[in-house]
């Protein structure tokens, strides 16, 4: 959000006001990933034959994109655990 508003990386790295809210942001992200998993695997969308969502290749592509984004998010959310290795 801050990058979208134009805040640069140097300024953003000094911003620690949001650090106490990090557990809430992580919990919200995990909740949204859980919702996405539920919609992709547990309750697939009801599609009329002939629509794009009824195509198996599209569903497979959505699932692949989900797992790529989820893996990237896990790397970013766990950064405080392995960040001291880079100091």
Protein backbone atom coordinates (compact mmCIF):
# COMPACT_ATOMS: atom_id res chain seq x y z
CA UNK A 1 0.00 0.00 0.00
CA UNK A 2 2.79 2.40 0.84
CA UNK A 3 4.57 1.68 -2.44
CA UNK A 4 1.37 2.40 -4.32
CA UNK A 5 1.16 5.73 -2.51
CA UNK A 6 4.70 6.57 -3.60
CA UNK A 7 6.73 5.78 -0.50
CA UNK A 8 10.24 4.70 -1.45
CA UNK A 9 12.12 1.69 -0.11
CA UNK A 10 14.57 3.75 1.94
CA UNK A 11 11.75 5.59 3.70
CA UNK A 12 9.68 2.43 4.08
CA UNK A 13 12.52 0.51 5.70
CA UNK A 14 12.54 3.04 8.54
CA UNK A 15 8.81 2.80 9.07
CA UNK A 16 8.33 0.75 12.22
CA UNK A 17 4.98 2.17 13.26
CA UNK A 18 3.16 -0.77 11.64
CA UNK A 19 5.44 -3.42 13.16
CA UNK A 20 3.12 -4.13 16.13
CA UNK A 21 0.34 -4.87 13.62
CA UNK A 22 2.37 -7.52 11.78
CA UNK A 23 0.62 -10.49 13.46
CA UNK A 24 -2.75 -9.10 12.38
CA UNK A 25 -1.57 -8.67 8.79
CA UNK A 26 -0.19 -12.21 8.76
CA UNK A 27 -3.43 -13.58 10.22
CA UNK A 28 -5.48 -11.69 7.61
CA UNK A 29 -3.27 -12.99 4.80
CA UNK A 30 -3.55 -16.57 6.08
CA UNK A 31 -7.32 -16.21 6.34
CA UNK A 32 -7.53 -15.01 2.74
CA UNK A 33 -5.28 -17.85 1.59
CA UNK A 34 -7.55 -20.27 3.45
CA UNK A 35 -10.57 -18.78 1.71
CA UNK A 36 -8.87 -19.06 -1.67
CA UNK A 37 -7.92 -22.69 -0.95
CA UNK A 38 -11.50 -23.45 0.05
CA UNK A 39 -12.85 -21.91 -3.16
CA UNK A 40 -10.28 -23.68 -5.35
CA UNK A 41 -10.37 -27.17 -3.84
CA UNK A 42 -13.26 -27.74 -1.42
CA UNK A 43 -16.07 -25.84 -3.13
CA UNK A 44 -15.37 -25.40 -6.81
CA UNK A 45 -17.46 -22.76 -8.50
CA UNK A 46 -20.63 -23.97 -10.21
CA UNK A 47 -20.08 -23.31 -13.90
CA UNK A 48 -22.34 -23.71 -16.83
CA UNK A 49 -20.74 -25.88 -19.55
CA UNK A 50 -19.06 -23.66 -22.08
CA UNK A 51 -17.95 -20.98 -19.61
CA UNK A 52 -14.29 -20.33 -18.98
CA UNK A 53 -14.42 -21.59 -15.39
CA UNK A 54 -15.66 -24.99 -16.60
CA UNK A 55 -12.42 -25.61 -18.51
CA UNK A 56 -10.04 -27.93 -16.60
CA UNK A 57 -6.98 -26.05 -17.91
CA UNK A 58 -8.24 -22.79 -16.39
CA UNK A 59 -8.88 -24.42 -13.01
CA UNK A 60 -5.41 -26.01 -13.09
CA UNK A 61 -3.86 -22.63 -13.97
CA UNK A 62 -5.67 -20.98 -11.04
CA UNK A 63 -4.37 -23.65 -8.69
CA UNK A 64 -0.79 -23.30 -9.95
CA UNK A 65 -0.93 -19.52 -9.56
CA UNK A 66 -2.39 -19.95 -6.06
CA UNK A 67 0.51 -22.19 -4.96
CA UNK A 68 3.15 -19.90 -6.47
CA UNK A 69 1.70 -16.86 -4.69
CA UNK A 70 1.26 -18.83 -1.45
CA UNK A 71 4.91 -19.96 -1.52
CA UNK A 72 6.08 -16.40 -2.18
CA UNK A 73 3.89 -15.12 0.66
CA UNK A 74 5.32 -17.71 3.07
CA UNK A 75 8.84 -16.58 2.17
CA UNK A 76 7.89 -12.95 2.80
CA UNK A 77 5.95 -13.62 6.01
CA UNK A 78 8.77 -15.68 7.48
CA UNK A 79 11.42 -13.09 6.62
CA UNK A 80 11.78 -11.85 10.22
CA UNK A 81 12.85 -15.39 11.18
CA UNK A 82 15.76 -15.62 8.74
CA UNK A 83 16.58 -11.91 8.32
CA UNK A 84 19.34 -11.99 10.98
CA UNK A 85 21.28 -14.36 8.72
CA UNK A 86 21.77 -11.48 6.28
CA UNK A 87 23.11 -8.97 8.83
